[in-house]
Amino acid sequence: MHRSLTGKLRVEHLTIPIANLPSKLSGTKIVQLTDFHYDGVRLSEELLEEAIEAANEAEPDLIFLTGDFITYEIAPIYDLVKRLKKLQSRVGIYAVLGNHDHYAPGAKKEVARVLNNADMRVLYNEAVYPLGLELALVGFADLWSGDFQPEPVFASIEPTVPRIVLSHNPDTAEILRKWPIDLQLSGHTHGGQIVIPGIGPLYAWVRKIGHAIPKNIRCWIPYISACDRVVVHWEWASGLHKVGSNLLYVNRGLGTYAPGRLFCPPEVTVITLVC
């Protein structure tokens, strides 16, 4: 998609305190990329290259890719991974799948296979410890996949160990608030794409208006019905949020649907963890 419809890439920098983080891990740097929708339409080669360059300039310890690598067809994943191989991190690259990575028949397995073969490990309801046993990294299946299963994953983690969660859809934060999570990283919303300064994502307001319309009529109004299909918690469309005692960060993503973005630029997120 042309830059005029996406806006200029923005690199967001955050410093996040993590309780019980060992001093040796203080200063750990993470880069998050999400919602590529790499299909020849929704993400330009120029923007993708710019995002990869920005990620590498941060010199991260870890890179997290939080889903929607493709849109409706599987084939673009092969070219996308060739480009993502340029990403550089000290420890590794970890990923979770998004809802669009499930739509095409066989997409879930093939997208995961291609990413794993390129040393971008896909987490699917599991916890790993790339920096040692003092910090857990949890990756979940997409909320809409039917496989989202947090309980057995959290049962496997020592209660005092801090944890970072990768979960494509931010609506999962409502479910996950029953477990302690130091930081959840999500995408999915594209930040709402059209944001009214001082008010917020247009989708959030359209949804409020739409709910005043009877359901049997609302479902036939495309823009209003789309609001419900994307996400429930539009108030978490982008940025940092407290959900119960947990912290949620939602990245605005790179890919863009028509009609484009307004006051909602595509994003690379750089996060520094501190004690």
C-alpha atoms as a PDB file:
ATOM      1  CA  MET A   1       0.000   0.000   0.000  1.00  0.00           C
ATOM      2  CA  HIS A   2       1.293   3.452  -0.877  1.00  0.00           C
ATOM      3  CA  ARG A   3       2.885   5.555   1.874  1.00  0.00           C
ATOM      4  CA  SER A   4       0.210   8.227   1.438  1.00  0.00           C
ATOM      5  CA  LEU A   5      -2.355   5.752   2.761  1.00  0.00           C
ATOM      6  CA  THR A   6      -0.228   4.311   5.549  1.00  0.00           C
ATOM      7  CA  GLY A   7       1.702   7.255   6.948  1.00  0.00           C
ATOM      8  CA  LYS A   8       5.336   7.350   7.977  1.00  0.00           C
ATOM      9  CA  LEU A   9       6.724   4.518  10.096  1.00  0.00           C
ATOM     10  CA  ARG A  10       7.079   5.416  13.762  1.00  0.00           C
ATOM     11  CA  VAL A  11       9.424   3.695  16.221  1.00  0.00           C
ATOM     12  CA  GLU A  12       7.930   3.695  19.710  1.00  0.00           C
ATOM     13  CA  HIS A  13      10.307   3.391  22.685  1.00  0.00           C
ATOM     14  CA  LEU A  14       9.110   2.126  26.070  1.00  0.00           C
ATOM     15  CA  THR A  15      10.825   1.278  29.355  1.00  0.00           C
ATOM     16  CA  ILE A  16       8.865  -1.306  31.336  1.00  0.00           C
ATOM     17  CA  PRO A  17       9.661  -2.210  34.976  1.00  0.00           C
ATOM     18  CA  ILE A  18       9.331  -5.945  35.623  1.00  0.00           C
ATOM     19  CA  ALA A  19       8.832  -7.141  39.197  1.00  0.00           C
ATOM     20  CA  ASN A  20      11.308  -9.827  40.298  1.00  0.00           C
ATOM     21  CA  LEU A  21      13.410  -9.321  37.164  1.00  0.00           C
ATOM     22  CA  PRO A  22      17.007 -10.351  37.981  1.00  0.00           C
ATOM     23  CA  SER A  23      19.476  -7.479  37.834  1.00  0.00           C
ATOM     24  CA  LYS A  24      21.444  -9.314  35.143  1.00  0.00           C
ATOM     25  CA  LEU A  25      18.398  -9.048  32.840  1.00  0.00           C
ATOM     26  CA  SER A  26      17.766  -5.378  33.541  1.00  0.00           C
ATOM     27  CA  GLY A  27      18.285  -3.506  30.289  1.00  0.00           C
ATOM     28  CA  THR A  28      17.071  -6.392  28.124  1.00  0.00           C
ATOM     29  CA  LYS A  29      15.863  -4.911  24.850  1.00  0.00           C
ATOM     30  CA  ILE A  30      12.907  -6.287  22.901  1.00  0.00           C
ATOM     31  CA  VAL A  31      11.549  -5.373  19.470  1.00  0.00           C
ATOM     32  CA  GLN A  32       7.954  -6.150  18.506  1.00  0.00           C
ATOM     33  CA  LEU A  33       6.661  -6.305  14.929  1.00  0.00           C
ATOM     34  CA  THR A  34       3.130  -7.323  14.084  1.00  0.00           C
ATOM     35  CA  ASP A  35       0.340  -7.502  11.488  1.00  0.00           C
ATOM     36  CA  PHE A  36       2.373  -7.662   8.297  1.00  0.00           C
ATOM     37  CA  HIS A  37      -0.507  -8.754   6.043  1.00  0.00           C
ATOM     38  CA  TYR A  38       2.127  -9.406   3.428  1.00  0.00           C
ATOM     39  CA  ASP A  39       0.093 -10.006   0.270  1.00  0.00           C
ATOM     40  CA  GLY A  40       1.327  -7.504  -2.286  1.00  0.00           C
ATOM     41  CA  VAL A  41      -1.389  -4.991  -1.389  1.00  0.00           C
ATOM     42  CA  ARG A  42      -1.487  -4.132   2.315  1.00  0.00           C
ATOM     43  CA  LEU A  43       2.243  -3.705   2.991  1.00  0.00           C
ATOM     44  CA  SER A  44       4.788  -2.113   0.682  1.00  0.00           C
ATOM     45  CA  GLU A  45       8.281  -3.513   0.235  1.00  0.00           C
ATOM     46  CA  GLU A  46       9.660  -0.104   1.200  1.00  0.00           C
ATOM     47  CA  LEU A  47       7.822   0.015   4.513  1.00  0.00           C
ATOM     48  CA  LEU A  48       8.795  -3.561   5.343  1.00  0.00           C
ATOM     49  CA  GLU A  49      12.473  -2.850   4.643  1.00  0.00           C
ATOM     50  CA  GLU A  50      12.281   0.302   6.728  1.00  0.00           C
ATOM     51  CA  ALA A  51      10.739  -1.628   9.630  1.00  0.00           C
ATOM     52  CA  ILE A  52      13.411  -4.344   9.465  1.00  0.00           C
ATOM     53  CA  GLU A  53      16.140  -1.710   9.396  1.00  0.00           C
ATOM     54  CA  ALA A  54      14.621   0.074  12.404  1.00  0.00           C
ATOM     55  CA  ALA A  55      14.397  -3.212  14.303  1.00  0.00           C
ATOM     56  CA  ASN A  56      18.054  -4.006  13.642  1.00  0.00           C
ATOM     57  CA  GLU A  57      19.198  -0.498  14.568  1.00  0.00           C
ATOM     58  CA  ALA A  58      17.784  -1.090  18.057  1.00  0.00           C
ATOM     59  CA  GLU A  59      20.217  -4.013  18.509  1.00  0.00           C
ATOM     60  CA  PRO A  60      17.622  -6.084  20.384  1.00  0.00           C
ATOM     61  CA  ASP A  61      18.207  -9.098  22.568  1.00  0.00           C
ATOM     62  CA  LEU A  62      14.921 -10.589  21.409  1.00  0.00           C
ATOM     63  CA  ILE A  63      12.509  -9.959  18.540  1.00  0.00           C
ATOM     64  CA  PHE A  64       8.827 -10.838  18.878  1.00  0.00           C
ATOM     65  CA  LEU A  65       6.486 -11.220  15.882  1.00  0.00           C
ATOM     66  CA  THR A  66       2.870 -11.211  17.015  1.00  0.00           C
ATOM     67  CA  GLY A  67       0.883 -12.560  14.102  1.00  0.00           C
ATOM     68  CA  ASP A  68      -0.997 -11.940  10.857  1.00  0.00           C
ATOM     69  CA  PHE A  69       1.963 -12.631   8.614  1.00  0.00           C
ATOM     70  CA  ILE A  70      -0.374 -13.238   5.666  1.00  0.00           C
ATOM     71  CA  THR A  71      -3.924 -12.176   4.840  1.00  0.00           C
ATOM     72  CA  TYR A  72      -5.945 -14.786   2.919  1.00  0.00           C
ATOM     73  CA  GLU A  73      -3.406 -16.727   0.837  1.00  0.00           C
ATOM     74  CA  ILE A  74      -0.504 -18.885   2.040  1.00  0.00           C
ATOM     75  CA  ALA A  75       1.933 -18.251  -0.815  1.00  0.00           C
ATOM     76  CA  PRO A  76       3.203 -14.817   0.348  1.00  0.00           C
ATOM     77  CA  ILE A  77       4.702 -16.314   3.516  1.00  0.00           C
ATOM     78  CA  TYR A  78       7.648 -17.687   1.519  1.00  0.00           C
ATOM     79  CA  ASP A  79       8.730 -14.271   0.249  1.00  0.00           C
ATOM     80  CA  LEU A  80       7.992 -12.614   3.577  1.00  0.00           C
ATOM     81  CA  VAL A  81      10.251 -14.989   5.467  1.00  0.00           C
ATOM     82  CA  LYS A  82      13.081 -14.316   3.011  1.00  0.00           C
ATOM     83  CA  ARG A  83      12.854 -10.668   4.015  1.00  0.00           C
ATOM     84  CA  LEU A  84      12.418 -11.356   7.733  1.00  0.00           C
ATOM     85  CA  LYS A  85      15.649 -13.343   7.701  1.00  0.00           C
ATOM     86  CA  LYS A  86      17.397  -9.967   7.672  1.00  0.00           C
ATOM     87  CA  LEU A  87      16.221  -9.395  11.246  1.00  0.00           C
ATOM     88  CA  GLN A  88      19.043  -9.565  13.772  1.00  0.00           C
ATOM     89  CA  SER A  89      18.800 -10.279  17.499  1.00  0.00           C
ATOM     90  CA  ARG A  90      21.262 -11.404  20.132  1.00  0.00           C
ATOM     91  CA  VAL A  91      19.212 -14.308  21.504  1.00  0.00           C
ATOM     92  CA  GLY A  92      16.479 -15.161  19.025  1.00  0.00           C
ATOM     93  CA  ILE A  93      13.210 -14.443  17.259  1.00  0.00           C
ATOM     94  CA  TYR A  94       9.894 -15.755  18.597  1.00  0.00           C
ATOM     95  CA  ALA A  95       6.441 -15.578  17.042  1.00  0.00           C
ATOM     96  CA  VAL A  96       2.766 -16.327  17.527  1.00  0.00           C
ATOM     97  CA  LEU A  97       0.121 -16.704  14.845  1.00  0.00           C
ATOM     98  CA  GLY A  98      -2.779 -14.355  14.199  1.00  0.00           C
ATOM     99  CA  ASN A  99      -6.300 -14.977  13.000  1.00  0.00           C
ATOM    100  CA  HIS A 100      -5.350 -14.408   9.333  1.00  0.00           C
ATOM    101  CA  ASP A 101      -2.683 -17.094   9.621  1.00  0.00           C
ATOM    102  CA  HIS A 102      -5.522 -19.619   9.983  1.00  0.00           C
ATOM    103  CA  TYR A 103      -7.980 -18.652   7.248  1.00  0.00           C
ATOM    104  CA  ALA A 104      -6.575 -20.492   4.236  1.00  0.00           C
ATOM    105  CA  PRO A 105      -6.781 -24.302   4.384  1.00  0.00           C
ATOM    106  CA  GLY A 106      -3.538 -25.585   5.908  1.00  0.00           C
ATOM    107  CA  ALA A 107      -2.279 -22.066   6.647  1.00  0.00           C
ATOM    108  CA  LYS A 108      -1.682 -22.610  10.361  1.00  0.00           C
ATOM    109  CA  LYS A 109       0.700 -25.522   9.836  1.00  0.00           C
ATOM    110  CA  GLU A 110       2.442 -24.067   6.795  1.00  0.00           C
ATOM    111  CA  VAL A 111       3.026 -20.588   8.206  1.00  0.00           C
ATOM    112  CA  ALA A 112       4.372 -22.113  11.420  1.00  0.00           C
ATOM    113  CA  ARG A 113       6.570 -24.549   9.495  1.00  0.00           C
ATOM    114  CA  VAL A 114       8.116 -21.858   7.308  1.00  0.00           C
ATOM    115  CA  LEU A 115       8.804 -19.573  10.261  1.00  0.00           C
ATOM    116  CA  ASN A 116      10.268 -22.366  12.379  1.00  0.00           C
ATOM    117  CA  ASN A 117      12.520 -23.476   9.535  1.00  0.00           C
ATOM    118  CA  ALA A 118      13.864 -19.921   9.361  1.00  0.00           C
ATOM    119  CA  ASP A 119      14.755 -19.994  13.101  1.00  0.00           C
ATOM    120  CA  MET A 120      11.750 -17.865  14.045  1.00  0.00           C
ATOM    121  CA  ARG A 121      10.229 -20.099  16.664  1.00  0.00           C
ATOM    122  CA  VAL A 122       6.451 -20.172  16.726  1.00  0.00           C
ATOM    123  CA  LEU A 123       4.974 -20.565  20.200  1.00  0.00           C
ATOM    124  CA  TYR A 124       1.588 -22.247  20.352  1.00  0.00           C
ATOM    125  CA  ASN A 125       0.321 -22.473  23.932  1.00  0.00           C
ATOM    126  CA  GLU A 126       3.750 -22.921  25.463  1.00  0.00           C
ATOM    127  CA  ALA A 127       6.309 -21.258  27.715  1.00  0.00           C
ATOM    128  CA  VAL A 128      10.020 -21.012  26.939  1.00  0.00           C
ATOM    129  CA  TYR A 129      12.982 -19.429  28.700  1.00  0.00           C
ATOM    130  CA  PRO A 130      15.294 -17.841  26.116  1.00  0.00           C
ATOM    131  CA  LEU A 131      17.085 -15.701  28.732  1.00  0.00           C
ATOM    132  CA  GLY A 132      17.132 -18.322  31.500  1.00  0.00           C
ATOM    133  CA  LEU A 133      14.682 -19.666  34.056  1.00  0.00           C
ATOM    134  CA  GLU A 134      14.248 -16.263  35.726  1.00  0.00           C
ATOM    135  CA  LEU A 135      11.981 -14.946  32.933  1.00  0.00           C
ATOM    136  CA  ALA A 136       9.266 -16.887  31.113  1.00  0.00           C
ATOM    137  CA  LEU A 137       8.158 -16.121  27.563  1.00  0.00           C
ATOM    138  CA  VAL A 138       4.648 -17.379  26.833  1.00  0.00           C
ATOM    139  CA  GLY A 139       3.099 -17.610  23.383  1.00  0.00           C
ATOM    140  CA  PHE A 140      -0.555 -18.456  22.790  1.00  0.00           C
ATOM    141  CA  ALA A 141      -2.645 -19.719  19.920  1.00  0.00           C
ATOM    142  CA  ASP A 142      -4.881 -17.033  18.457  1.00  0.00           C
ATOM    143  CA  LEU A 143      -8.087 -16.364  20.359  1.00  0.00           C
ATOM    144  CA  TRP A 144     -10.241 -17.187  17.316  1.00  0.00           C
ATOM    145  CA  SER A 145      -8.399 -20.399  16.470  1.00  0.00           C
ATOM    146  CA  GLY A 146     -10.309 -22.457  19.024  1.00  0.00           C
ATOM    147  CA  ASP A 147      -6.975 -23.582  20.511  1.00  0.00           C
ATOM    148  CA  PHE A 148      -6.393 -20.746  22.993  1.00  0.00           C
ATOM    149  CA  GLN A 149      -5.538 -22.632  26.220  1.00  0.00           C
ATOM    150  CA  PRO A 150      -3.867 -20.518  28.910  1.00  0.00           C
ATOM    151  CA  GLU A 151      -4.532 -22.616  32.021  1.00  0.00           C
ATOM    152  CA  PRO A 152      -2.111 -25.533  31.437  1.00  0.00           C
ATOM    153  CA  VAL A 153       0.592 -23.131  30.230  1.00  0.00           C
ATOM    154  CA  PHE A 154       0.509 -20.968  33.346  1.00  0.00           C
ATOM    155  CA  ALA A 155       0.317 -24.059  35.545  1.00  0.00           C
ATOM    156  CA  SER A 156       3.756 -25.023  34.216  1.00  0.00           C
ATOM    157  CA  ILE A 157       5.397 -21.739  35.302  1.00  0.00           C
ATOM    158  CA  GLU A 158       6.721 -21.134  38.819  1.00  0.00           C
ATOM    159  CA  PRO A 159       4.457 -18.547  40.491  1.00  0.00           C
ATOM    160  CA  THR A 160       7.280 -16.131  41.334  1.00  0.00           C
ATOM    161  CA  VAL A 161       8.786 -16.114  37.849  1.00  0.00           C
ATOM    162  CA  PRO A 162       7.969 -12.978  35.831  1.00  0.00           C
ATOM    163  CA  ARG A 163       6.405 -13.615  32.452  1.00  0.00           C
ATOM    164  CA  ILE A 164       5.985 -11.900  29.120  1.00  0.00           C
ATOM    165  CA  VAL A 165       3.029 -13.026  27.004  1.00  0.00           C
ATOM    166  CA  LEU A 166       2.661 -12.913  23.224  1.00  0.00           C
ATOM    167  CA  SER A 167      -0.995 -13.039  22.196  1.00  0.00           C
ATOM    168  CA  HIS A 168      -2.173 -11.642  18.859  1.00  0.00           C
ATOM    169  CA  ASN A 169      -5.615 -10.464  19.928  1.00  0.00           C
ATOM    170  CA  PRO A 170      -5.696  -7.956  22.824  1.00  0.00           C
ATOM    171  CA  ASP A 171      -9.145  -9.205  23.848  1.00  0.00           C
ATOM    172  CA  THR A 172      -7.313 -12.122  25.478  1.00  0.00           C
ATOM    173  CA  ALA A 173      -6.139  -9.702  28.189  1.00  0.00           C
ATOM    174  CA  GLU A 174      -9.631  -9.914  29.684  1.00  0.00           C
ATOM    175  CA  ILE A 175      -9.335 -13.700  29.972  1.00  0.00           C
ATOM    176  CA  LEU A 176      -5.713 -13.593  31.135  1.00  0.00           C
ATOM    177  CA  ARG A 177      -6.271 -11.119  33.969  1.00  0.00           C
ATOM    178  CA  LYS A 178      -6.819 -14.071  36.347  1.00  0.00           C
ATOM    179  CA  TRP A 179      -3.099 -14.890  36.020  1.00  0.00           C
ATOM    180  CA  PRO A 180      -0.202 -12.552  36.860  1.00  0.00           C
ATOM    181  CA  ILE A 181       1.366 -11.200  33.652  1.00  0.00           C
ATOM    182  CA  ASP A 182       4.127  -8.624  33.716  1.00  0.00           C
ATOM    183  CA  LEU A 183       3.693  -7.637  30.074  1.00  0.00           C
ATOM    184  CA  GLN A 184       1.380  -8.828  27.310  1.00  0.00           C
ATOM    185  CA  LEU A 185       2.252  -7.869  23.742  1.00  0.00           C
ATOM    186  CA  SER A 186      -0.547  -7.891  21.160  1.00  0.00           C
ATOM    187  CA  GLY A 187      -1.493  -6.462  17.771  1.00  0.00           C
ATOM    188  CA  HIS A 188      -4.552  -7.289  15.633  1.00  0.00           C
ATOM    189  CA  THR A 189      -6.331  -3.905  15.803  1.00  0.00           C
ATOM    190  CA  HIS A 190      -3.965  -1.880  13.559  1.00  0.00           C
ATOM    191  CA  GLY A 191      -4.532   0.805  16.180  1.00  0.00           C
ATOM    192  CA  GLY A 192      -7.969   1.361  14.691  1.00  0.00           C
ATOM    193  CA  GLN A 193      -6.276   2.801  11.557  1.00  0.00           C
ATOM    194  CA  ILE A 194      -8.405   5.962  11.644  1.00  0.00           C
ATOM    195  CA  VAL A 195      -7.908   7.886  14.869  1.00  0.00           C
ATOM    196  CA  ILE A 196      -9.600  11.150  15.819  1.00  0.00           C
ATOM    197  CA  PRO A 197      -7.134  13.246  17.841  1.00  0.00           C
ATOM    198  CA  GLY A 198      -8.287  13.719  21.408  1.00  0.00           C
ATOM    199  CA  ILE A 199     -11.101  11.212  20.949  1.00  0.00           C
ATOM    200  CA  GLY A 200      -9.569   7.907  19.853  1.00  0.00           C
ATOM    201  CA  PRO A 201     -10.157   5.243  17.186  1.00  0.00           C
ATOM    202  CA  LEU A 202     -13.123   5.908  14.939  1.00  0.00           C
ATOM    203  CA  TYR A 203     -14.110   2.247  15.217  1.00  0.00           C
ATOM    204  CA  ALA A 204     -14.647   2.622  18.975  1.00  0.00           C
ATOM    205  CA  TRP A 205     -17.158   5.412  18.459  1.00  0.00           C
ATOM    206  CA  VAL A 206     -18.874   3.735  15.535  1.00  0.00           C
ATOM    207  CA  ARG A 207     -19.289   0.643  17.695  1.00  0.00           C
ATOM    208  CA  LYS A 208     -20.929   2.667  20.472  1.00  0.00           C
ATOM    209  CA  ILE A 209     -23.329   4.241  17.997  1.00  0.00           C
ATOM    210  CA  GLY A 210     -23.938   0.890  16.334  1.00  0.00           C
ATOM    211  CA  HIS A 211     -25.004  -0.766  19.554  1.00  0.00           C
ATOM    212  CA  ALA A 212     -27.918   1.642  19.718  1.00  0.00           C
ATOM    213  CA  ILE A 213     -29.161   0.147  16.435  1.00  0.00           C
ATOM    214  CA  PRO A 214     -31.175  -3.131  16.576  1.00  0.00           C
ATOM    215  CA  LYS A 215     -29.038  -6.217  15.907  1.00  0.00           C
ATOM    216  CA  ASN A 216     -31.109  -7.383  12.948  1.00  0.00           C
ATOM    217  CA  ILE A 217     -30.306  -4.077  11.191  1.00  0.00           C
ATOM    218  CA  ARG A 218     -26.771  -3.567  12.531  1.00  0.00           C
ATOM    219  CA  CYS A 219     -25.416  -6.712  10.901  1.00  0.00           C
ATOM    220  CA  TRP A 220     -26.241  -5.285   7.447  1.00  0.00           C
ATOM    221  CA  ILE A 221     -24.266  -2.067   7.936  1.00  0.00           C
ATOM    222  CA  PRO A 222     -20.691  -2.975   6.856  1.00  0.00           C
ATOM    223  CA  TYR A 223     -18.630  -0.467   8.852  1.00  0.00           C
ATOM    224  CA  ILE A 224     -20.591  -1.012  12.061  1.00  0.00           C
ATOM    225  CA  SER A 225     -20.658  -4.815  11.801  1.00  0.00           C
ATOM    226  CA  ALA A 226     -16.896  -4.842  11.148  1.00  0.00           C
ATOM    227  CA  CYS A 227     -16.283  -3.155  14.501  1.00  0.00           C
ATOM    228  CA  ASP A 228     -17.723  -6.130  16.368  1.00  0.00           C
ATOM    229  CA  ARG A 229     -15.868  -8.631  14.203  1.00  0.00           C
ATOM    230  CA  VAL A 230     -12.410  -7.173  14.848  1.00  0.00           C
ATOM    231  CA  VAL A 231     -12.272  -6.739  18.617  1.00  0.00           C
ATOM    232  CA  VAL A 232     -14.485  -6.107  21.632  1.00  0.00           C
ATOM    233  CA  HIS A 233     -12.147  -3.900  23.653  1.00  0.00           C
ATOM    234  CA  TRP A 234     -11.548  -1.014  21.264  1.00  0.00           C
ATOM    235  CA  GLU A 235     -10.339   0.987  24.252  1.00  0.00           C
ATOM    236  CA  TRP A 236      -7.189  -1.164  24.031  1.00  0.00           C
ATOM    237  CA  ALA A 237      -6.674  -0.479  20.311  1.00  0.00           C
ATOM    238  CA  SER A 238      -3.117   0.772  20.752  1.00  0.00           C
ATOM    239  CA  GLY A 239      -0.544   1.697  23.359  1.00  0.00           C
ATOM    240  CA  LEU A 240      -0.068   0.732  26.990  1.00  0.00           C
ATOM    241  CA  HIS A 241      -2.965  -0.315  29.218  1.00  0.00           C
ATOM    242  CA  LYS A 242      -3.522  -1.723  32.702  1.00  0.00           C
ATOM    243  CA  VAL A 243      -5.901  -4.678  32.659  1.00  0.00           C
ATOM    244  CA  GLY A 244      -6.544  -5.647  36.249  1.00  0.00           C
ATOM    245  CA  SER A 245      -3.034  -5.928  37.673  1.00  0.00           C
ATOM    246  CA  ASN A 246      -1.533  -6.897  34.292  1.00  0.00           C
ATOM    247  CA  LEU A 247       0.130  -4.693  31.696  1.00  0.00           C
ATOM    248  CA  LEU A 248      -0.926  -4.827  28.027  1.00  0.00           C
ATOM    249  CA  TYR A 249       0.810  -3.180  25.090  1.00  0.00           C
ATOM    250  CA  VAL A 250      -0.888  -3.130  21.679  1.00  0.00           C
ATOM    251  CA  ASN A 251       1.261  -2.405  18.621  1.00  0.00           C
ATOM    252  CA  ARG A 252      -0.427  -0.582  15.692  1.00  0.00           C
ATOM    253  CA  GLY A 253       1.098  -3.014  13.187  1.00  0.00           C
ATOM    254  CA  LEU A 254       2.606  -2.559   9.738  1.00  0.00           C
ATOM    255  CA  GLY A 255      -0.046  -3.728   7.280  1.00  0.00           C
ATOM    256  CA  THR A 256      -2.957  -1.475   6.329  1.00  0.00           C
ATOM    257  CA  TYR A 257      -6.472  -2.113   5.042  1.00  0.00           C
ATOM    258  CA  ALA A 258      -8.433   0.336   2.914  1.00  0.00           C
ATOM    259  CA  PRO A 259      -9.240   3.176   3.344  1.00  0.00           C
ATOM    260  CA  GLY A 260      -5.834   3.597   4.988  1.00  0.00           C
ATOM    261  CA  ARG A 261      -4.462   5.157   8.173  1.00  0.00           C
ATOM    262  CA  LEU A 262      -5.108   8.579   9.660  1.00  0.00           C
ATOM    263  CA  PHE A 263      -3.214   9.757  12.747  1.00  0.00           C
ATOM    264  CA  CYS A 264      -2.321   6.096  13.284  1.00  0.00           C
ATOM    265  CA  PRO A 265       1.113   5.403  11.760  1.00  0.00           C
ATOM    266  CA  PRO A 266       2.555   1.909  11.294  1.00  0.00           C
ATOM    267  CA  GLU A 267       4.767   0.913  14.189  1.00  0.00           C
ATOM    268  CA  VAL A 268       7.936  -0.795  15.338  1.00  0.00           C
ATOM    269  CA  THR A 269       8.095  -1.082  19.121  1.00  0.00           C
ATOM    270  CA  VAL A 270      11.332  -1.085  21.104  1.00  0.00           C
ATOM    271  CA  ILE A 271      10.925  -2.104  24.751  1.00  0.00           C
ATOM    272  CA  THR A 272      13.578  -2.041  27.447  1.00  0.00           C
ATOM    273  CA  LEU A 273      12.945  -4.181  30.511  1.00  0.00           C
ATOM    274  CA  VAL A 274      14.233  -2.878  33.852  1.00  0.00           C
ATOM    275  CA  CYS A 275      14.131  -4.058  37.456  1.00  0.00           C
END
